[in-house]
Amino acid sequence: MAPLLRASGRVGPLAWEPDLHAEALETHDGRSPMRPSEIRRRVLADHEELRDRLNRIERLAHRARAPHGPSPSGLRGEAEALLDRLAIHMHWEDRYLIPVLREADGWGEVRVDRFARDHREQRELLEYVLRELHDPRRPEGVVAGKVLDLVALLREDMAEEESAFLGQRLLRDDPVAIDLFTS
């Protein structure tokens, strides 16, 4: 399976670039635009898969902090794989979710500005954590602590994203919203 994004370099600031094989992972027939409900389901499914990864990495980080824990390379490798998967996920959201959010209602541009700001901050955090993972001077316990902090922040960010951007009332397939409370 080809990644949607690949890190260019790994030294200095990270640049996430679209991969030429990005189309291979899209969950769509390629003939018609994805409906908002399809995009919502895809993002929520990604979040569940990411939560599973977070749980595994959290367990590994706790073991790495314990005396006689696993080697730091195991934790570092798992964390790096998570960061790569998060970059793929955010790229997909940027490509498919942002246009739907923009058109969802009269608050679309405001919502997209907030979403884009959140993704910018998340990318900065991912770059920082990746630099920490690649620093051989970082002791295993320090790396494990940073990974645990990242896990907590990512869980919080996903819950907030689901609440603010992935509601059924917002990402609906019908073009007309009927407000039953004010009609």
C-alpha atoms as a PDB file:
ATOM      1  CA  MET A   1       0.000   0.000   0.000  1.00  0.00           C
ATOM      2  CA  ALA A   2       1.524   3.324  -1.064  1.00  0.00           C
ATOM      3  CA  PRO A   3       1.340   6.183   1.443  1.00  0.00           C
ATOM      4  CA  LEU A   4      -0.557   9.334   0.539  1.00  0.00           C
ATOM      5  CA  LEU A   5       2.247  11.431   1.948  1.00  0.00           C
ATOM      6  CA  ARG A   6       5.897  10.951   2.508  1.00  0.00           C
ATOM      7  CA  ALA A   7       8.286  12.940   4.621  1.00  0.00           C
ATOM      8  CA  SER A   8      10.907  14.662   2.571  1.00  0.00           C
ATOM      9  CA  GLY A   9      14.186  14.382   4.328  1.00  0.00           C
ATOM     10  CA  ARG A  10      13.635  13.858   8.051  1.00  0.00           C
ATOM     11  CA  VAL A  11      16.273  16.431   8.892  1.00  0.00           C
ATOM     12  CA  GLY A  12      15.270  19.991   9.746  1.00  0.00           C
ATOM     13  CA  PRO A  13      11.743  21.205   9.062  1.00  0.00           C
ATOM     14  CA  LEU A  14       9.549  18.469   7.679  1.00  0.00           C
ATOM     15  CA  ALA A  15       7.723  18.866   4.412  1.00  0.00           C
ATOM     16  CA  TRP A  16       4.822  16.545   3.780  1.00  0.00           C
ATOM     17  CA  GLU A  17       4.371  15.959   0.086  1.00  0.00           C
ATOM     18  CA  PRO A  18       1.527  14.247  -1.737  1.00  0.00           C
ATOM     19  CA  ASP A  19       2.536  10.871  -3.112  1.00  0.00           C
ATOM     20  CA  LEU A  20       1.884  10.127  -6.768  1.00  0.00           C
ATOM     21  CA  HIS A  21      -0.002   6.983  -5.725  1.00  0.00           C
ATOM     22  CA  ALA A  22      -2.465   8.852  -3.504  1.00  0.00           C
ATOM     23  CA  GLU A  23      -5.452   7.863  -5.608  1.00  0.00           C
ATOM     24  CA  ALA A  24      -4.914   4.193  -4.743  1.00  0.00           C
ATOM     25  CA  LEU A  25      -6.121   4.677  -1.156  1.00  0.00           C
ATOM     26  CA  GLU A  26      -9.204   6.724  -1.836  1.00  0.00           C
ATOM     27  CA  THR A  27     -12.394   5.033  -0.734  1.00  0.00           C
ATOM     28  CA  HIS A  28     -14.467   6.156  -3.642  1.00  0.00           C
ATOM     29  CA  ASP A  29     -15.406   4.958  -7.099  1.00  0.00           C
ATOM     30  CA  GLY A  30     -13.656   7.928  -8.775  1.00  0.00           C
ATOM     31  CA  ARG A  31     -16.688   8.634 -10.974  1.00  0.00           C
ATOM     32  CA  SER A  32     -18.688  11.006  -8.799  1.00  0.00           C
ATOM     33  CA  PRO A  33     -17.948  13.324  -5.904  1.00  0.00           C
ATOM     34  CA  MET A  34     -18.063  11.784  -2.469  1.00  0.00           C
ATOM     35  CA  ARG A  35     -21.178  12.631  -0.512  1.00  0.00           C
ATOM     36  CA  PRO A  36     -20.781  14.391   2.845  1.00  0.00           C
ATOM     37  CA  SER A  37     -22.013  11.285   4.672  1.00  0.00           C
ATOM     38  CA  GLU A  38     -19.329   9.174   2.941  1.00  0.00           C
ATOM     39  CA  ILE A  39     -16.640  11.641   3.959  1.00  0.00           C
ATOM     40  CA  ARG A  40     -17.945  11.687   7.519  1.00  0.00           C
ATOM     41  CA  ARG A  41     -17.948   7.883   7.724  1.00  0.00           C
ATOM     42  CA  ARG A  42     -14.410   7.708   6.310  1.00  0.00           C
ATOM     43  CA  VAL A  43     -13.036  10.262   8.795  1.00  0.00           C
ATOM     44  CA  LEU A  44     -14.780   8.587  11.736  1.00  0.00           C
ATOM     45  CA  ALA A  45     -13.456   5.181  10.636  1.00  0.00           C
ATOM     46  CA  ASP A  46      -9.961   6.692  10.410  1.00  0.00           C
ATOM     47  CA  HIS A  47     -10.381   8.072  13.925  1.00  0.00           C
ATOM     48  CA  GLU A  48     -11.286   4.620  15.237  1.00  0.00           C
ATOM     49  CA  GLU A  49      -8.233   3.111  13.557  1.00  0.00           C
ATOM     50  CA  LEU A  50      -6.065   5.920  14.954  1.00  0.00           C
ATOM     51  CA  ARG A  51      -7.484   5.342  18.450  1.00  0.00           C
ATOM     52  CA  ASP A  52      -6.481   1.680  18.196  1.00  0.00           C
ATOM     53  CA  ARG A  53      -2.954   2.766  17.255  1.00  0.00           C
ATOM     54  CA  LEU A  54      -2.900   5.259  20.111  1.00  0.00           C
ATOM     55  CA  ASN A  55      -3.870   2.524  22.546  1.00  0.00           C
ATOM     56  CA  ARG A  56      -1.052   0.263  21.306  1.00  0.00           C
ATOM     57  CA  ILE A  57       1.520   3.055  21.416  1.00  0.00           C
ATOM     58  CA  GLU A  58       0.363   4.148  24.849  1.00  0.00           C
ATOM     59  CA  ARG A  59       0.893   0.622  26.199  1.00  0.00           C
ATOM     60  CA  LEU A  60       4.329   0.486  24.568  1.00  0.00           C
ATOM     61  CA  ALA A  61       5.288   3.899  26.010  1.00  0.00           C
ATOM     62  CA  HIS A  62       4.246   2.821  29.509  1.00  0.00           C
ATOM     63  CA  ARG A  63       6.365  -0.317  29.160  1.00  0.00           C
ATOM     64  CA  ALA A  64       9.282   1.770  27.868  1.00  0.00           C
ATOM     65  CA  ARG A  65       9.123   3.928  30.998  1.00  0.00           C
ATOM     66  CA  ALA A  66       9.207   0.872  33.231  1.00  0.00           C
ATOM     67  CA  PRO A  67      12.531  -0.582  34.342  1.00  0.00           C
ATOM     68  CA  HIS A  68      13.790  -3.129  31.817  1.00  0.00           C
ATOM     69  CA  GLY A  69      11.251  -1.942  29.224  1.00  0.00           C
ATOM     70  CA  PRO A  70      11.500  -2.520  25.470  1.00  0.00           C
ATOM     71  CA  SER A  71      14.175  -0.840  23.400  1.00  0.00           C
ATOM     72  CA  PRO A  72      13.575   2.786  22.449  1.00  0.00           C
ATOM     73  CA  SER A  73      13.794   1.879  18.776  1.00  0.00           C
ATOM     74  CA  GLY A  74      10.558  -0.116  19.111  1.00  0.00           C
ATOM     75  CA  LEU A  75       8.703   2.820  20.606  1.00  0.00           C
ATOM     76  CA  ARG A  76      10.311   5.273  18.230  1.00  0.00           C
ATOM     77  CA  GLY A  77       9.398   3.135  15.232  1.00  0.00           C
ATOM     78  CA  GLU A  78       5.788   2.736  16.329  1.00  0.00           C
ATOM     79  CA  ALA A  79       5.494   6.447  17.070  1.00  0.00           C
ATOM     80  CA  GLU A  80       6.988   7.339  13.694  1.00  0.00           C
ATOM     81  CA  ALA A  81       4.494   5.029  11.966  1.00  0.00           C
ATOM     82  CA  LEU A  82       1.700   6.788  13.866  1.00  0.00           C
ATOM     83  CA  LEU A  83       2.979  10.195  12.769  1.00  0.00           C
ATOM     84  CA  ASP A  84       3.094   9.047   9.153  1.00  0.00           C
ATOM     85  CA  ARG A  85      -0.476   7.735   9.435  1.00  0.00           C
ATOM     86  CA  LEU A  86      -1.632  11.010  10.992  1.00  0.00           C
ATOM     87  CA  ALA A  87      -0.077  12.966   8.132  1.00  0.00           C
ATOM     88  CA  ILE A  88      -1.958  10.775   5.648  1.00  0.00           C
ATOM     89  CA  HIS A  89      -5.178  11.270   7.588  1.00  0.00           C
ATOM     90  CA  MET A  90      -4.808  15.058   7.749  1.00  0.00           C
ATOM     91  CA  HIS A  91      -3.990  15.249   4.038  1.00  0.00           C
ATOM     92  CA  TRP A  92      -7.147  13.277   3.265  1.00  0.00           C
ATOM     93  CA  GLU A  93      -9.225  15.569   5.483  1.00  0.00           C
ATOM     94  CA  ASP A  94      -7.712  18.639   3.816  1.00  0.00           C
ATOM     95  CA  ARG A  95      -8.546  17.256   0.397  1.00  0.00           C
ATOM     96  CA  TYR A  96     -12.078  15.978   1.049  1.00  0.00           C
ATOM     97  CA  LEU A  97     -13.481  17.292   4.318  1.00  0.00           C
ATOM     98  CA  ILE A  98     -12.544  20.970   3.958  1.00  0.00           C
ATOM     99  CA  PRO A  99     -14.540  21.523   0.739  1.00  0.00           C
ATOM    100  CA  VAL A 100     -17.607  19.901   2.318  1.00  0.00           C
ATOM    101  CA  LEU A 101     -17.249  21.977   5.474  1.00  0.00           C
ATOM    102  CA  ARG A 102     -16.968  25.121   3.356  1.00  0.00           C
ATOM    103  CA  GLU A 103     -20.301  24.392   1.654  1.00  0.00           C
ATOM    104  CA  ALA A 104     -22.177  22.947   4.648  1.00  0.00           C
ATOM    105  CA  ASP A 105     -23.792  26.175   5.815  1.00  0.00           C
ATOM    106  CA  GLY A 106     -23.333  29.909   6.223  1.00  0.00           C
ATOM    107  CA  TRP A 107     -20.527  29.366   8.726  1.00  0.00           C
ATOM    108  CA  GLY A 108     -18.449  27.317   6.296  1.00  0.00           C
ATOM    109  CA  GLU A 109     -15.557  29.753   5.876  1.00  0.00           C
ATOM    110  CA  VAL A 110     -15.275  30.361   9.613  1.00  0.00           C
ATOM    111  CA  ARG A 111     -15.353  26.625  10.248  1.00  0.00           C
ATOM    112  CA  VAL A 112     -12.724  25.975   7.552  1.00  0.00           C
ATOM    113  CA  ASP A 113     -10.453  28.678   8.991  1.00  0.00           C
ATOM    114  CA  ARG A 114     -10.632  27.005  12.412  1.00  0.00           C
ATOM    115  CA  PHE A 115     -10.102  23.545  10.923  1.00  0.00           C
ATOM    116  CA  ALA A 116      -7.083  24.731   8.900  1.00  0.00           C
ATOM    117  CA  ARG A 117      -5.619  26.427  11.989  1.00  0.00           C
ATOM    118  CA  ASP A 118      -6.074  23.218  13.980  1.00  0.00           C
ATOM    119  CA  HIS A 119      -4.301  21.222  11.270  1.00  0.00           C
ATOM    120  CA  ARG A 120      -1.438  23.740  11.134  1.00  0.00           C
ATOM    121  CA  GLU A 121      -0.954  23.408  14.887  1.00  0.00           C
ATOM    122  CA  GLN A 122      -1.150  19.622  14.672  1.00  0.00           C
ATOM    123  CA  ARG A 123       1.443  19.523  11.897  1.00  0.00           C
ATOM    124  CA  GLU A 124       3.780  21.693  13.975  1.00  0.00           C
ATOM    125  CA  LEU A 125       3.329  19.298  16.882  1.00  0.00           C
ATOM    126  CA  LEU A 126       3.986  16.268  14.658  1.00  0.00           C
ATOM    127  CA  GLU A 127       7.173  17.879  13.323  1.00  0.00           C
ATOM    128  CA  TYR A 128       8.368  18.581  16.850  1.00  0.00           C
ATOM    129  CA  VAL A 129       7.663  15.051  18.051  1.00  0.00           C
ATOM    130  CA  LEU A 130       9.340  13.554  14.987  1.00  0.00           C
ATOM    131  CA  ARG A 131      12.466  15.612  15.651  1.00  0.00           C
ATOM    132  CA  GLU A 132      12.437  14.370  19.245  1.00  0.00           C
ATOM    133  CA  LEU A 133      12.051  10.766  18.092  1.00  0.00           C
ATOM    134  CA  HIS A 134      15.030  11.105  15.764  1.00  0.00           C
ATOM    135  CA  ASP A 135      17.284  12.678  18.359  1.00  0.00           C
ATOM    136  CA  PRO A 136      19.501   9.820  19.576  1.00  0.00           C
ATOM    137  CA  ARG A 137      20.459  11.855  22.651  1.00  0.00           C
ATOM    138  CA  ARG A 138      16.908  11.641  24.007  1.00  0.00           C
ATOM    139  CA  PRO A 139      16.667   8.998  26.734  1.00  0.00           C
ATOM    140  CA  GLU A 140      14.002   6.356  26.338  1.00  0.00           C
ATOM    141  CA  GLY A 141      12.001   7.669  29.286  1.00  0.00           C
ATOM    142  CA  VAL A 142      11.901  11.193  27.842  1.00  0.00           C
ATOM    143  CA  VAL A 143      10.762   9.901  24.453  1.00  0.00           C
ATOM    144  CA  ALA A 144       8.101   7.762  26.152  1.00  0.00           C
ATOM    145  CA  GLY A 145       6.857  10.803  28.097  1.00  0.00           C
ATOM    146  CA  LYS A 146       6.584  12.895  24.932  1.00  0.00           C
ATOM    147  CA  VAL A 147       4.752  10.071  23.181  1.00  0.00           C
ATOM    148  CA  LEU A 148       2.291   9.795  26.086  1.00  0.00           C
ATOM    149  CA  ASP A 149       1.699  13.570  25.939  1.00  0.00           C
ATOM    150  CA  LEU A 150       1.110  13.286  22.190  1.00  0.00           C
ATOM    151  CA  VAL A 151      -1.371  10.431  22.665  1.00  0.00           C
ATOM    152  CA  ALA A 152      -3.395  12.491  25.148  1.00  0.00           C
ATOM    153  CA  LEU A 153      -3.418  15.541  22.863  1.00  0.00           C
ATOM    154  CA  LEU A 154      -4.435  13.505  19.821  1.00  0.00           C
ATOM    155  CA  ARG A 155      -7.332  11.898  21.662  1.00  0.00           C
ATOM    156  CA  GLU A 156      -8.514  15.331  22.753  1.00  0.00           C
ATOM    157  CA  ASP A 157      -8.108  16.762  19.235  1.00  0.00           C
ATOM    158  CA  MET A 158     -10.077  13.915  17.640  1.00  0.00           C
ATOM    159  CA  ALA A 159     -12.925  14.301  20.138  1.00  0.00           C
ATOM    160  CA  GLU A 160     -13.023  18.047  19.510  1.00  0.00           C
ATOM    161  CA  GLU A 161     -12.906  17.554  15.737  1.00  0.00           C
ATOM    162  CA  GLU A 162     -15.759  15.060  15.885  1.00  0.00           C
ATOM    163  CA  SER A 163     -17.837  17.453  17.963  1.00  0.00           C
ATOM    164  CA  ALA A 164     -17.147  20.594  15.923  1.00  0.00           C
ATOM    165  CA  PHE A 165     -16.819  19.275  12.360  1.00  0.00           C
ATOM    166  CA  LEU A 166     -18.293  15.785  11.984  1.00  0.00           C
ATOM    167  CA  GLY A 167     -21.862  16.006  13.225  1.00  0.00           C
ATOM    168  CA  GLN A 168     -24.616  14.328  11.214  1.00  0.00           C
ATOM    169  CA  ARG A 169     -26.577  17.566  11.030  1.00  0.00           C
ATOM    170  CA  LEU A 170     -23.577  19.345   9.530  1.00  0.00           C
ATOM    171  CA  LEU A 171     -22.378  16.678   7.087  1.00  0.00           C
ATOM    172  CA  ARG A 172     -25.637  15.626   5.545  1.00  0.00           C
ATOM    173  CA  ASP A 173     -26.339  14.597   1.980  1.00  0.00           C
ATOM    174  CA  ASP A 174     -29.566  16.555   1.550  1.00  0.00           C
ATOM    175  CA  PRO A 175     -28.958  20.053   0.173  1.00  0.00           C
ATOM    176  CA  VAL A 176     -31.791  21.649   2.134  1.00  0.00           C
ATOM    177  CA  ALA A 177     -31.730  21.841   5.908  1.00  0.00           C
ATOM    178  CA  ILE A 178     -35.138  21.892   7.528  1.00  0.00           C
ATOM    179  CA  ASP A 179     -35.122  23.412  10.971  1.00  0.00           C
ATOM    180  CA  LEU A 180     -38.033  21.808  12.803  1.00  0.00           C
ATOM    181  CA  PHE A 181     -37.686  24.085  15.816  1.00  0.00           C
ATOM    182  CA  THR A 182     -38.159  27.440  14.103  1.00  0.00           C
ATOM    183  CA  SER A 183     -40.551  26.495  11.288  1.00  0.00           C
END
